[in-house]
Amino acid sequence: MTSITEVKKQRLSPPNVLIKTWCTLAKDEDEQVSMHAMKMLLDTFGDLESIVEFVKSNNIKV
């Protein structure tokens, strides 16, 4: 059975291609670009551990 929290996460989760883009931009040489991408990831997932879990479970290469 799926918990309510998991359902909310699924509904609020952006498309994988957007997460891939943010991960790529997080490695950008431009500090402003990199910081903004990390902010977007952290605002979406809440913490680094959740980002890593999502990336691994969706086979997103970083």
PDB file of N, CA and C in Angstrom:
ATOM      1  N   MET A   1       0.832  -1.180   0.000  1.00  0.00           N
ATOM      2  CA  MET A   1       0.000   0.000   0.000  1.00  0.00           C
ATOM      3  C   MET A   1       0.880   1.248   0.000  1.00  0.00           C
ATOM      4  N   THR A   2       0.513   2.239  -0.742  1.00  0.00           N
ATOM      5  CA  THR A   2       1.284   3.473  -0.873  1.00  0.00           C
ATOM      6  C   THR A   2       0.841   4.478   0.186  1.00  0.00           C
ATOM      7  N   SER A   3       1.841   5.082   0.862  1.00  0.00           N
ATOM      8  CA  SER A   3       1.497   6.062   1.890  1.00  0.00           C
ATOM      9  C   SER A   3       1.103   7.389   1.246  1.00  0.00           C
ATOM     10  N   ILE A   4       0.409   8.210   2.018  1.00  0.00           N
ATOM     11  CA  ILE A   4      -0.036   9.516   1.521  1.00  0.00           C
ATOM     12  C   ILE A   4       1.168  10.382   1.158  1.00  0.00           C
ATOM     13  N   THR A   5       2.233  10.317   1.956  1.00  0.00           N
ATOM     14  CA  THR A   5       3.437  11.105   1.688  1.00  0.00           C
ATOM     15  C   THR A   5       4.036  10.725   0.337  1.00  0.00           C
ATOM     16  N   GLU A   6       4.088   9.425   0.041  1.00  0.00           N
ATOM     17  CA  GLU A   6       4.633   8.970  -1.237  1.00  0.00           C
ATOM     18  C   GLU A   6       3.780   9.460  -2.398  1.00  0.00           C
ATOM     19  N   VAL A   7       2.479   9.437  -2.240  1.00  0.00           N
ATOM     20  CA  VAL A   7       1.571   9.910  -3.291  1.00  0.00           C
ATOM     21  C   VAL A   7       1.799  11.398  -3.531  1.00  0.00           C
ATOM     22  N   LYS A   8       1.917  12.174  -2.459  1.00  0.00           N
ATOM     23  CA  LYS A   8       2.168  13.612  -2.598  1.00  0.00           C
ATOM     24  C   LYS A   8       3.488  13.866  -3.308  1.00  0.00           C
ATOM     25  N   LYS A   9       4.526  13.115  -2.952  1.00  0.00           N
ATOM     26  CA  LYS A   9       5.828  13.275  -3.602  1.00  0.00           C
ATOM     27  C   LYS A   9       5.730  12.982  -5.093  1.00  0.00           C
ATOM     28  N   GLN A  10       4.996  11.920  -5.436  1.00  0.00           N
ATOM     29  CA  GLN A  10       4.848  11.561  -6.840  1.00  0.00           C
ATOM     30  C   GLN A  10       4.124  12.649  -7.602  1.00  0.00           C
ATOM     31  N   ARG A  11       3.094  13.211  -7.001  1.00  0.00           N
ATOM     32  CA  ARG A  11       2.307  14.248  -7.656  1.00  0.00           C
ATOM     33  C   ARG A  11       3.113  15.537  -7.809  1.00  0.00           C
ATOM     34  N   LEU A  12       3.944  15.849  -6.831  1.00  0.00           N
ATOM     35  CA  LEU A  12       4.678  17.100  -6.837  1.00  0.00           C
ATOM     36  C   LEU A  12       6.044  16.991  -7.506  1.00  0.00           C
ATOM     37  N   SER A  13       6.467  15.807  -7.835  1.00  0.00           N
ATOM     38  CA  SER A  13       7.785  15.599  -8.415  1.00  0.00           C
ATOM     39  C   SER A  13       7.825  16.088  -9.864  1.00  0.00           C
ATOM     40  N   PRO A  14       8.815  16.930 -10.187  1.00  0.00           N
ATOM     41  CA  PRO A  14       8.951  17.396 -11.568  1.00  0.00           C
ATOM     42  C   PRO A  14       9.403  16.263 -12.496  1.00  0.00           C
ATOM     43  N   PRO A  15       9.263  16.449 -13.784  1.00  0.00           N
ATOM     44  CA  PRO A  15       9.682  15.412 -14.748  1.00  0.00           C
ATOM     45  C   PRO A  15      11.180  15.102 -14.617  1.00  0.00           C
ATOM     46  N   ASN A  16      11.521  13.863 -14.907  1.00  0.00           N
ATOM     47  CA  ASN A  16      12.922  13.435 -14.810  1.00  0.00           C
ATOM     48  C   ASN A  16      13.855  14.307 -15.647  1.00  0.00           C
ATOM     49  N   VAL A  17      13.401  14.754 -16.806  1.00  0.00           N
ATOM     50  CA  VAL A  17      14.264  15.555 -17.666  1.00  0.00           C
ATOM     51  C   VAL A  17      14.634  16.876 -16.971  1.00  0.00           C
ATOM     52  N   LEU A  18      13.720  17.418 -16.186  1.00  0.00           N
ATOM     53  CA  LEU A  18      14.012  18.645 -15.454  1.00  0.00           C
ATOM     54  C   LEU A  18      15.028  18.376 -14.349  1.00  0.00           C
ATOM     55  N   ILE A  19      14.893  17.267 -13.668  1.00  0.00           N
ATOM     56  CA  ILE A  19      15.865  16.898 -12.630  1.00  0.00           C
ATOM     57  C   ILE A  19      17.238  16.698 -13.263  1.00  0.00           C
ATOM     58  N   LYS A  20      17.281  16.034 -14.425  1.00  0.00           N
ATOM     59  CA  LYS A  20      18.552  15.844 -15.144  1.00  0.00           C
ATOM     60  C   LYS A  20      19.180  17.193 -15.478  1.00  0.00           C
ATOM     61  N   THR A  21      18.361  18.124 -15.934  1.00  0.00           N
ATOM     62  CA  THR A  21      18.850  19.458 -16.282  1.00  0.00           C
ATOM     63  C   THR A  21      19.423  20.153 -15.058  1.00  0.00           C
ATOM     64  N   TRP A  22      18.693  20.112 -13.944  1.00  0.00           N
ATOM     65  CA  TRP A  22      19.190  20.746 -12.718  1.00  0.00           C
ATOM     66  C   TRP A  22      20.492  20.102 -12.253  1.00  0.00           C
ATOM     67  N   CYS A  23      20.601  18.785 -12.368  1.00  0.00           N
ATOM     68  CA  CYS A  23      21.837  18.095 -11.966  1.00  0.00           C
ATOM     69  C   CYS A  23      23.006  18.521 -12.845  1.00  0.00           C
ATOM     70  N   THR A  24      22.760  18.649 -14.127  1.00  0.00           N
ATOM     71  CA  THR A  24      23.804  19.099 -15.048  1.00  0.00           C
ATOM     72  C   THR A  24      24.209  20.537 -14.730  1.00  0.00           C
ATOM     73  N   LEU A  25      23.221  21.395 -14.517  1.00  0.00           N
ATOM     74  CA  LEU A  25      23.501  22.804 -14.219  1.00  0.00           C
ATOM     75  C   LEU A  25      24.179  22.979 -12.864  1.00  0.00           C
ATOM     76  N   ALA A  26      23.950  22.054 -11.939  1.00  0.00           N
ATOM     77  CA  ALA A  26      24.584  22.130 -10.616  1.00  0.00           C
ATOM     78  C   ALA A  26      26.100  21.987 -10.726  1.00  0.00           C
ATOM     79  N   LYS A  27      26.577  21.415 -11.825  1.00  0.00           N
ATOM     80  CA  LYS A  27      28.021  21.246 -12.037  1.00  0.00           C
ATOM     81  C   LYS A  27      28.605  22.344 -12.921  1.00  0.00           C
ATOM     82  N   ASP A  28      27.806  23.323 -13.294  1.00  0.00           N
ATOM     83  CA  ASP A  28      28.238  24.393 -14.186  1.00  0.00           C
ATOM     84  C   ASP A  28      29.340  25.230 -13.545  1.00  0.00           C
ATOM     85  N   GLU A  29      30.214  25.770 -14.376  1.00  0.00           N
ATOM     86  CA  GLU A  29      31.314  26.614 -13.891  1.00  0.00           C
ATOM     87  C   GLU A  29      30.808  27.934 -13.314  1.00  0.00           C
ATOM     88  N   ASP A  30      29.726  28.441 -13.856  1.00  0.00           N
ATOM     89  CA  ASP A  30      29.146  29.692 -13.376  1.00  0.00           C
ATOM     90  C   ASP A  30      28.512  29.439 -12.006  1.00  0.00           C
ATOM     91  N   GLU A  31      29.033  30.105 -10.993  1.00  0.00           N
ATOM     92  CA  GLU A  31      28.575  29.857  -9.624  1.00  0.00           C
ATOM     93  C   GLU A  31      27.094  30.169  -9.435  1.00  0.00           C
ATOM     94  N   GLN A  32      26.605  31.226 -10.072  1.00  0.00           N
ATOM     95  CA  GLN A  32      25.192  31.578  -9.939  1.00  0.00           C
ATOM     96  C   GLN A  32      24.297  30.487 -10.519  1.00  0.00           C
ATOM     97  N   VAL A  33      24.689  29.968 -11.660  1.00  0.00           N
ATOM     98  CA  VAL A  33      23.920  28.894 -12.312  1.00  0.00           C
ATOM     99  C   VAL A  33      23.920  27.658 -11.418  1.00  0.00           C
ATOM    100  N   SER A  34      25.094  27.299 -10.941  1.00  0.00           N
ATOM    101  CA  SER A  34      25.246  26.128 -10.088  1.00  0.00           C
ATOM    102  C   SER A  34      24.438  26.263  -8.797  1.00  0.00           C
ATOM    103  N   MET A  35      24.520  27.410  -8.162  1.00  0.00           N
ATOM    104  CA  MET A  35      23.802  27.635  -6.908  1.00  0.00           C
ATOM    105  C   MET A  35      22.283  27.597  -7.118  1.00  0.00           C
ATOM    106  N   HIS A  36      21.821  28.177  -8.216  1.00  0.00           N
ATOM    107  CA  HIS A  36      20.384  28.178  -8.492  1.00  0.00           C
ATOM    108  C   HIS A  36      19.878  26.749  -8.742  1.00  0.00           C
ATOM    109  N   ALA A  37      20.645  25.983  -9.491  1.00  0.00           N
ATOM    110  CA  ALA A  37      20.245  24.598  -9.765  1.00  0.00           C
ATOM    111  C   ALA A  37      20.173  23.800  -8.465  1.00  0.00           C
ATOM    112  N   MET A  38      21.146  23.974  -7.586  1.00  0.00           N
ATOM    113  CA  MET A  38      21.135  23.271  -6.302  1.00  0.00           C
ATOM    114  C   MET A  38      19.950  23.726  -5.451  1.00  0.00           C
ATOM    115  N   LYS A  39      19.642  25.009  -5.504  1.00  0.00           N
ATOM    116  CA  LYS A  39      18.492  25.527  -4.754  1.00  0.00           C
ATOM    117  C   LYS A  39      17.200  24.880  -5.250  1.00  0.00           C
ATOM    118  N   MET A  40      17.073  24.762  -6.550  1.00  0.00           N
ATOM    119  CA  MET A  40      15.874  24.147  -7.120  1.00  0.00           C
ATOM    120  C   MET A  40      15.759  22.678  -6.680  1.00  0.00           C
ATOM    121  N   LEU A  41      16.880  21.963  -6.709  1.00  0.00           N
ATOM    122  CA  LEU A  41      16.871  20.565  -6.280  1.00  0.00           C
ATOM    123  C   LEU A  41      16.512  20.446  -4.798  1.00  0.00           C
ATOM    124  N   LEU A  42      17.131  21.281  -3.975  1.00  0.00           N
ATOM    125  CA  LEU A  42      16.869  21.219  -2.537  1.00  0.00           C
ATOM    126  C   LEU A  42      15.450  21.658  -2.199  1.00  0.00           C
ATOM    127  N   ASP A  43      14.942  22.657  -2.906  1.00  0.00           N
ATOM    128  CA  ASP A  43      13.564  23.089  -2.684  1.00  0.00           C
ATOM    129  C   ASP A  43      12.568  21.994  -3.078  1.00  0.00           C
ATOM    130  N   THR A  44      12.920  21.227  -4.086  1.00  0.00           N
ATOM    131  CA  THR A  44      12.044  20.166  -4.567  1.00  0.00           C
ATOM    132  C   THR A  44      12.079  18.934  -3.656  1.00  0.00           C
ATOM    133  N   PHE A  45      13.287  18.533  -3.244  1.00  0.00           N
ATOM    134  CA  PHE A  45      13.441  17.277  -2.509  1.00  0.00           C
ATOM    135  C   PHE A  45      13.650  17.449  -1.008  1.00  0.00           C
ATOM    136  N   GLY A  46      14.037  18.628  -0.574  1.00  0.00           N
ATOM    137  CA  GLY A  46      14.186  18.881   0.855  1.00  0.00           C
ATOM    138  C   GLY A  46      15.581  18.681   1.407  1.00  0.00           C
ATOM    139  N   ASP A  47      16.279  17.645   0.944  1.00  0.00           N
ATOM    140  CA  ASP A  47      17.641  17.414   1.431  1.00  0.00           C
ATOM    141  C   ASP A  47      18.448  16.638   0.399  1.00  0.00           C
ATOM    142  N   LEU A  48      19.752  16.623   0.610  1.00  0.00           N
ATOM    143  CA  LEU A  48      20.662  15.982  -0.341  1.00  0.00           C
ATOM    144  C   LEU A  48      20.410  14.478  -0.441  1.00  0.00           C
ATOM    145  N   GLU A  49      20.102  13.865   0.669  1.00  0.00           N
ATOM    146  CA  GLU A  49      19.857  12.421   0.680  1.00  0.00           C
ATOM    147  C   GLU A  49      18.680  12.054  -0.230  1.00  0.00           C
ATOM    148  N   SER A  50      17.634  12.850  -0.200  1.00  0.00           N
ATOM    149  CA  SER A  50      16.465  12.595  -1.053  1.00  0.00           C
ATOM    150  C   SER A  50      16.794  12.792  -2.528  1.00  0.00           C
ATOM    151  N   ILE A  51      17.643  13.773  -2.815  1.00  0.00           N
ATOM    152  CA  ILE A  51      18.077  13.999  -4.201  1.00  0.00           C
ATOM    153  C   ILE A  51      18.829  12.771  -4.692  1.00  0.00           C
ATOM    154  N   VAL A  52      19.788  12.305  -3.901  1.00  0.00           N
ATOM    155  CA  VAL A  52      20.600  11.143  -4.278  1.00  0.00           C
ATOM    156  C   VAL A  52      19.714   9.921  -4.470  1.00  0.00           C
ATOM    157  N   GLU A  53      18.759   9.717  -3.582  1.00  0.00           N
ATOM    158  CA  GLU A  53      17.834   8.582  -3.686  1.00  0.00           C
ATOM    159  C   GLU A  53      17.034   8.652  -4.988  1.00  0.00           C
ATOM    160  N   PHE A  54      16.510   9.837  -5.319  1.00  0.00           N
ATOM    161  CA  PHE A  54      15.722  10.012  -6.539  1.00  0.00           C
ATOM    162  C   PHE A  54      16.583   9.754  -7.776  1.00  0.00           C
ATOM    163  N   VAL A  55      17.784  10.326  -7.781  1.00  0.00           N
ATOM    164  CA  VAL A  55      18.684  10.180  -8.929  1.00  0.00           C
ATOM    165  C   VAL A  55      19.038   8.712  -9.150  1.00  0.00           C
ATOM    166  N   LYS A  56      19.355   8.013  -8.070  1.00  0.00           N
ATOM    167  CA  LYS A  56      19.706   6.596  -8.180  1.00  0.00           C
ATOM    168  C   LYS A  56      18.511   5.767  -8.660  1.00  0.00           C
ATOM    169  N   SER A  57      17.351   6.010  -8.078  1.00  0.00           N
ATOM    170  CA  SER A  57      16.193   5.184  -8.424  1.00  0.00           C
ATOM    171  C   SER A  57      15.679   5.454  -9.837  1.00  0.00           C
ATOM    172  N   ASN A  58      16.053   6.590 -10.418  1.00  0.00           N
ATOM    173  CA  ASN A  58      15.612   6.927 -11.775  1.00  0.00           C
ATOM    174  C   ASN A  58      16.747   6.861 -12.790  1.00  0.00           C
ATOM    175  N   ASN A  59      17.873   6.276 -12.391  1.00  0.00           N
ATOM    176  CA  ASN A  59      19.038   6.076 -13.272  1.00  0.00           C
ATOM    177  C   ASN A  59      19.468   7.374 -13.953  1.00  0.00           C
ATOM    178  N   ILE A  60      19.514   8.461 -13.177  1.00  0.00           N
ATOM    179  CA  ILE A  60      19.974   9.739 -13.699  1.00  0.00           C
ATOM    180  C   ILE A  60      21.468   9.844 -13.411  1.00  0.00           C
ATOM    181  N   LYS A  61      22.246  10.025 -14.459  1.00  0.00           N
ATOM    182  CA  LYS A  61      23.700  10.106 -14.292  1.00  0.00           C
ATOM    183  C   LYS A  61      24.097  11.524 -13.945  1.00  0.00           C
ATOM    184  N   VAL A  62      24.907  11.629 -12.906  1.00  0.00           N
ATOM    185  CA  VAL A  62      25.404  12.949 -12.476  1.00  0.00           C
ATOM    186  C   VAL A  62      26.911  12.959 -12.458  1.00  0.00           C
TER     187      VAL A  62
END
